[in-house]
C-alpha atoms as a PDB file:
ATOM      1  CA  UNK A   1       0.000   0.000   0.000  1.00  0.00           C
ATOM      2  CA  UNK A   2       1.305   3.445  -0.929  1.00  0.00           C
ATOM      3  CA  UNK A   3       1.215   6.443   1.386  1.00  0.00           C
ATOM      4  CA  UNK A   4       0.761  10.187   0.955  1.00  0.00           C
ATOM      5  CA  UNK A   5       1.606  12.278   4.029  1.00  0.00           C
ATOM      6  CA  UNK A   6       0.744  15.864   4.834  1.00  0.00           C
ATOM      7  CA  UNK A   7       2.787  16.952   7.831  1.00  0.00           C
ATOM      8  CA  UNK A   8       2.744  19.961  10.093  1.00  0.00           C
ATOM      9  CA  UNK A   9      -0.456  21.607   8.863  1.00  0.00           C
ATOM     10  CA  UNK A  10      -1.118  24.492  11.269  1.00  0.00           C
ATOM     11  CA  UNK A  11      -4.589  25.856  11.873  1.00  0.00           C
ATOM     12  CA  UNK A  12      -6.251  28.096  14.445  1.00  0.00           C
ATOM     13  CA  UNK A  13      -9.226  26.520  16.169  1.00  0.00           C
ATOM     14  CA  UNK A  14     -11.416  26.781  19.261  1.00  0.00           C
ATOM     15  CA  UNK A  15     -11.286  23.205  20.561  1.00  0.00           C
ATOM     16  CA  UNK A  16     -11.008  22.369  24.232  1.00  0.00           C
ATOM     17  CA  UNK A  17     -12.812  21.518  27.433  1.00  0.00           C
ATOM     18  CA  UNK A  18     -12.332  24.910  29.084  1.00  0.00           C
ATOM     19  CA  UNK A  19     -14.471  27.938  28.157  1.00  0.00           C
ATOM     20  CA  UNK A  20     -11.405  30.127  27.621  1.00  0.00           C
ATOM     21  CA  UNK A  21     -10.132  27.674  24.981  1.00  0.00           C
ATOM     22  CA  UNK A  22     -13.424  27.979  23.116  1.00  0.00           C
ATOM     23  CA  UNK A  23     -13.352  31.757  23.440  1.00  0.00           C
ATOM     24  CA  UNK A  24      -9.672  32.522  22.774  1.00  0.00           C
ATOM     25  CA  UNK A  25      -8.717  29.609  20.523  1.00  0.00           C
ATOM     26  CA  UNK A  26      -5.231  28.327  19.792  1.00  0.00           C
ATOM     27  CA  UNK A  27      -3.069  26.703  17.170  1.00  0.00           C
ATOM     28  CA  UNK A  28      -3.423  23.011  16.304  1.00  0.00           C
ATOM     29  CA  UNK A  29      -0.975  20.983  14.240  1.00  0.00           C
ATOM     30  CA  UNK A  30      -2.346  18.178  12.073  1.00  0.00           C
ATOM     31  CA  UNK A  31      -0.550  15.383  10.221  1.00  0.00           C
ATOM     32  CA  UNK A  32      -2.347  12.916   7.977  1.00  0.00           C
ATOM     33  CA  UNK A  33      -1.062   9.742   6.351  1.00  0.00           C
ATOM     34  CA  UNK A  34      -3.271   8.461   3.553  1.00  0.00           C
ATOM     35  CA  UNK A  35      -2.859   4.849   2.472  1.00  0.00           C
ATOM     36  CA  UNK A  36      -3.974   4.175  -1.101  1.00  0.00           C
ATOM     37  CA  UNK A  37      -2.820   2.867  -4.451  1.00  0.00           C
ATOM     38  CA  UNK A  38      -0.663   5.503  -6.147  1.00  0.00           C
ATOM     39  CA  UNK A  39       0.658   3.260  -8.939  1.00  0.00           C
ATOM     40  CA  UNK A  40      -1.505   4.869 -11.640  1.00  0.00           C
ATOM     41  CA  UNK A  41      -0.337   8.371 -10.671  1.00  0.00           C
ATOM     42  CA  UNK A  42       3.289   7.196 -10.614  1.00  0.00           C
ATOM     43  CA  UNK A  43       2.947   5.686 -14.102  1.00  0.00           C
ATOM     44  CA  UNK A  44       0.917   8.410 -15.797  1.00  0.00           C
ATOM     45  CA  UNK A  45       2.103  11.610 -14.073  1.00  0.00           C
ATOM     46  CA  UNK A  46      -1.572  12.661 -14.086  1.00  0.00           C
ATOM     47  CA  UNK A  47      -3.110  14.666 -11.236  1.00  0.00           C
ATOM     48  CA  UNK A  48      -6.463  12.982 -11.882  1.00  0.00           C
ATOM     49  CA  UNK A  49      -4.907   9.659 -10.816  1.00  0.00           C
ATOM     50  CA  UNK A  50      -4.163  10.878  -7.291  1.00  0.00           C
ATOM     51  CA  UNK A  51      -5.537  13.248  -4.663  1.00  0.00           C
ATOM     52  CA  UNK A  52      -4.630  16.911  -4.934  1.00  0.00           C
ATOM     53  CA  UNK A  53      -2.830  17.693  -1.674  1.00  0.00           C
ATOM     54  CA  UNK A  54      -3.774  21.390  -1.826  1.00  0.00           C
ATOM     55  CA  UNK A  55      -7.417  20.260  -1.858  1.00  0.00           C
ATOM     56  CA  UNK A  56      -6.723  17.904   1.061  1.00  0.00           C
ATOM     57  CA  UNK A  57      -5.181  20.766   3.036  1.00  0.00           C
ATOM     58  CA  UNK A  58      -8.297  22.880   2.499  1.00  0.00           C
ATOM     59  CA  UNK A  59     -10.522  19.948   3.455  1.00  0.00           C
ATOM     60  CA  UNK A  60      -8.715  19.440   6.782  1.00  0.00           C
ATOM     61  CA  UNK A  61      -8.608  23.205   7.404  1.00  0.00           C
ATOM     62  CA  UNK A  62     -12.400  23.433   7.170  1.00  0.00           C
ATOM     63  CA  UNK A  63     -12.767  20.777   9.862  1.00  0.00           C
ATOM     64  CA  UNK A  64     -10.174  22.214  12.256  1.00  0.00           C
ATOM     65  CA  UNK A  65     -11.366  25.810  11.889  1.00  0.00           C
ATOM     66  CA  UNK A  66     -15.026  24.762  12.024  1.00  0.00           C
ATOM     67  CA  UNK A  67     -17.280  23.984  14.985  1.00  0.00           C
ATOM     68  CA  UNK A  68     -15.296  23.175  18.136  1.00  0.00           C
ATOM     69  CA  UNK A  69     -14.787  19.800  19.768  1.00  0.00           C
ATOM     70  CA  UNK A  70     -14.026  19.360  23.461  1.00  0.00           C
ATOM     71  CA  UNK A  71     -11.402  16.672  22.812  1.00  0.00           C
ATOM     72  CA  UNK A  72      -8.656  16.462  20.222  1.00  0.00           C
ATOM     73  CA  UNK A  73      -9.565  12.768  20.010  1.00  0.00           C
ATOM     74  CA  UNK A  74     -12.957  13.795  18.615  1.00  0.00           C
ATOM     75  CA  UNK A  75     -11.329  16.289  16.243  1.00  0.00           C
ATOM     76  CA  UNK A  76      -8.946  13.610  14.928  1.00  0.00           C
ATOM     77  CA  UNK A  77     -11.819  11.147  14.597  1.00  0.00           C
ATOM     78  CA  UNK A  78     -13.862  13.634  12.607  1.00  0.00           C
ATOM     79  CA  UNK A  79     -10.962  14.319  10.248  1.00  0.00           C
ATOM     80  CA  UNK A  80     -10.387  10.577   9.713  1.00  0.00           C
ATOM     81  CA  UNK A  81     -14.029   9.690   9.095  1.00  0.00           C
ATOM     82  CA  UNK A  82     -14.656  12.654   6.800  1.00  0.00           C
ATOM     83  CA  UNK A  83     -11.539  11.903   4.722  1.00  0.00           C
ATOM     84  CA  UNK A  84     -12.609   8.272   4.277  1.00  0.00           C
ATOM     85  CA  UNK A  85     -16.139   9.372   3.328  1.00  0.00           C
ATOM     86  CA  UNK A  86     -15.039  12.050   0.864  1.00  0.00           C
ATOM     87  CA  UNK A  87     -12.203  10.210  -0.895  1.00  0.00           C
ATOM     88  CA  UNK A  88     -13.054   6.663  -1.920  1.00  0.00           C
ATOM     89  CA  UNK A  89      -9.481   6.035  -3.105  1.00  0.00           C
ATOM     90  CA  UNK A  90      -8.228   6.213   0.501  1.00  0.00           C
ATOM     91  CA  UNK A  91      -8.162   2.747   2.086  1.00  0.00           C
ATOM     92  CA  UNK A  92      -6.698   3.736   5.459  1.00  0.00           C
ATOM     93  CA  UNK A  93      -5.838   6.978   7.188  1.00  0.00           C
ATOM     94  CA  UNK A  94      -3.740   7.964  10.180  1.00  0.00           C
ATOM     95  CA  UNK A  95      -4.474  11.350  11.731  1.00  0.00           C
ATOM     96  CA  UNK A  96      -2.305  13.066  14.335  1.00  0.00           C
ATOM     97  CA  UNK A  97      -3.551  16.194  16.080  1.00  0.00           C
ATOM     98  CA  UNK A  98      -1.178  18.110  18.321  1.00  0.00           C
ATOM     99  CA  UNK A  99      -2.270  20.756  20.778  1.00  0.00           C
ATOM    100  CA  UNK A 100       1.048  22.530  21.381  1.00  0.00           C
ATOM    101  CA  UNK A 101      -0.101  24.816  24.189  1.00  0.00           C
ATOM    102  CA  UNK A 102      -2.594  23.151  26.534  1.00  0.00           C
ATOM    103  CA  UNK A 103      -3.878  25.585  29.180  1.00  0.00           C
ATOM    104  CA  UNK A 104      -1.891  24.168  32.084  1.00  0.00           C
ATOM    105  CA  UNK A 105       1.143  25.244  34.084  1.00  0.00           C
ATOM    106  CA  UNK A 106       3.258  22.464  32.593  1.00  0.00           C
ATOM    107  CA  UNK A 107       6.071  22.783  30.092  1.00  0.00           C
ATOM    108  CA  UNK A 108       6.330  20.380  27.191  1.00  0.00           C
ATOM    109  CA  UNK A 109       5.949  20.314  23.417  1.00  0.00           C
ATOM    110  CA  UNK A 110       2.222  19.668  23.580  1.00  0.00           C
ATOM    111  CA  UNK A 111      -0.022  16.664  23.509  1.00  0.00           C
ATOM    112  CA  UNK A 112      -0.639  14.563  20.408  1.00  0.00           C
ATOM    113  CA  UNK A 113      -3.424  12.102  19.658  1.00  0.00           C
ATOM    114  CA  UNK A 114      -2.970   9.614  16.812  1.00  0.00           C
ATOM    115  CA  UNK A 115      -5.857   7.620  15.311  1.00  0.00           C
ATOM    116  CA  UNK A 116      -5.690   5.026  12.551  1.00  0.00           C
ATOM    117  CA  UNK A 117      -8.858   4.114  10.674  1.00  0.00           C
ATOM    118  CA  UNK A 118      -9.610   1.703   7.817  1.00  0.00           C
ATOM    119  CA  UNK A 119     -12.354   1.832   5.260  1.00  0.00           C
ATOM    120  CA  UNK A 120     -15.241  -0.480   6.177  1.00  0.00           C
ATOM    121  CA  UNK A 121     -15.523  -3.240   3.570  1.00  0.00           C
END
Protein backbone atom coordinates (compact mmCIF):
# COMPACT_ATOMS: atom_id res chain seq x y z
CA UNK A 1 0.00 0.00 0.00
CA UNK A 2 1.31 3.44 -0.93
CA UNK A 3 1.22 6.44 1.39
CA UNK A 4 0.76 10.19 0.96
CA UNK A 5 1.61 12.28 4.03
CA UNK A 6 0.74 15.86 4.83
CA UNK A 7 2.79 16.95 7.83
CA UNK A 8 2.74 19.96 10.09
CA UNK A 9 -0.46 21.61 8.86
CA UNK A 10 -1.12 24.49 11.27
CA UNK A 11 -4.59 25.86 11.87
CA UNK A 12 -6.25 28.10 14.45
CA UNK A 13 -9.23 26.52 16.17
CA UNK A 14 -11.42 26.78 19.26
CA UNK A 15 -11.29 23.21 20.56
CA UNK A 16 -11.01 22.37 24.23
CA UNK A 17 -12.81 21.52 27.43
CA UNK A 18 -12.33 24.91 29.08
CA UNK A 19 -14.47 27.94 28.16
CA UNK A 20 -11.40 30.13 27.62
CA UNK A 21 -10.13 27.67 24.98
CA UNK A 22 -13.42 27.98 23.12
CA UNK A 23 -13.35 31.76 23.44
CA UNK A 24 -9.67 32.52 22.77
CA UNK A 25 -8.72 29.61 20.52
CA UNK A 26 -5.23 28.33 19.79
CA UNK A 27 -3.07 26.70 17.17
CA UNK A 28 -3.42 23.01 16.30
CA UNK A 29 -0.98 20.98 14.24
CA UNK A 30 -2.35 18.18 12.07
CA UNK A 31 -0.55 15.38 10.22
CA UNK A 32 -2.35 12.92 7.98
CA UNK A 33 -1.06 9.74 6.35
CA UNK A 34 -3.27 8.46 3.55
CA UNK A 35 -2.86 4.85 2.47
CA UNK A 36 -3.97 4.18 -1.10
CA UNK A 37 -2.82 2.87 -4.45
CA UNK A 38 -0.66 5.50 -6.15
CA UNK A 39 0.66 3.26 -8.94
CA UNK A 40 -1.50 4.87 -11.64
CA UNK A 41 -0.34 8.37 -10.67
CA UNK A 42 3.29 7.20 -10.61
CA UNK A 43 2.95 5.69 -14.10
CA UNK A 44 0.92 8.41 -15.80
CA UNK A 45 2.10 11.61 -14.07
CA UNK A 46 -1.57 12.66 -14.09
CA UNK A 47 -3.11 14.67 -11.24
CA UNK A 48 -6.46 12.98 -11.88
CA UNK A 49 -4.91 9.66 -10.82
CA UNK A 50 -4.16 10.88 -7.29
CA UNK A 51 -5.54 13.25 -4.66
CA UNK A 52 -4.63 16.91 -4.93
CA UNK A 53 -2.83 17.69 -1.67
CA UNK A 54 -3.77 21.39 -1.83
CA UNK A 55 -7.42 20.26 -1.86
CA UNK A 56 -6.72 17.90 1.06
CA UNK A 57 -5.18 20.77 3.04
CA UNK A 58 -8.30 22.88 2.50
CA UNK A 59 -10.52 19.95 3.46
CA UNK A 60 -8.72 19.44 6.78
CA UNK A 61 -8.61 23.20 7.40
CA UNK A 62 -12.40 23.43 7.17
CA UNK A 63 -12.77 20.78 9.86
CA UNK A 64 -10.17 22.21 12.26
CA UNK A 65 -11.37 25.81 11.89
CA UNK A 66 -15.03 24.76 12.02
CA UNK A 67 -17.28 23.98 14.98
CA UNK A 68 -15.30 23.18 18.14
CA UNK A 69 -14.79 19.80 19.77
CA UNK A 70 -14.03 19.36 23.46
CA UNK A 71 -11.40 16.67 22.81
CA UNK A 72 -8.66 16.46 20.22
CA UNK A 73 -9.57 12.77 20.01
CA UNK A 74 -12.96 13.79 18.62
CA UNK A 75 -11.33 16.29 16.24
CA UNK A 76 -8.95 13.61 14.93
CA UNK A 77 -11.82 11.15 14.60
CA UNK A 78 -13.86 13.63 12.61
CA UNK A 79 -10.96 14.32 10.25
CA UNK A 80 -10.39 10.58 9.71
CA UNK A 81 -14.03 9.69 9.09
CA UNK A 82 -14.66 12.65 6.80
CA UNK A 83 -11.54 11.90 4.72
CA UNK A 84 -12.61 8.27 4.28
CA UNK A 85 -16.14 9.37 3.33
CA UNK A 86 -15.04 12.05 0.86
CA UNK A 87 -12.20 10.21 -0.90
CA UNK A 88 -13.05 6.66 -1.92
CA UNK A 89 -9.48 6.04 -3.11
CA UNK A 90 -8.23 6.21 0.50
CA UNK A 91 -8.16 2.75 2.09
CA UNK A 92 -6.70 3.74 5.46
CA UNK A 93 -5.84 6.98 7.19
CA UNK A 94 -3.74 7.96 10.18
CA UNK A 95 -4.47 11.35 11.73
CA UNK A 96 -2.31 13.07 14.33
CA UNK A 97 -3.55 16.19 16.08
CA UNK A 98 -1.18 18.11 18.32
CA UNK A 99 -2.27 20.76 20.78
CA UNK A 100 1.05 22.53 21.38
CA UNK A 101 -0.10 24.82 24.19
CA UNK A 102 -2.59 23.15 26.53
CA UNK A 103 -3.88 25.59 29.18
CA UNK A 104 -1.89 24.17 32.08
CA UNK A 105 1.14 25.24 34.08
CA UNK A 106 3.26 22.46 32.59
CA UNK A 107 6.07 22.78 30.09
CA UNK A 108 6.33 20.38 27.19
CA UNK A 109 5.95 20.31 23.42
CA UNK A 110 2.22 19.67 23.58
CA UNK A 111 -0.02 16.66 23.51
CA UNK A 112 -0.64 14.56 20.41
CA UNK A 113 -3.42 12.10 19.66
CA UNK A 114 -2.97 9.61 16.81
CA UNK A 115 -5.86 7.62 15.31
CA UNK A 116 -5.69 5.03 12.55
CA UNK A 117 -8.86 4.11 10.67
CA UNK A 118 -9.61 1.70 7.82
CA UNK A 119 -12.35 1.83 5.26
CA UNK A 120 -15.24 -0.48 6.18
CA UNK A 121 -15.52 -3.24 3.57
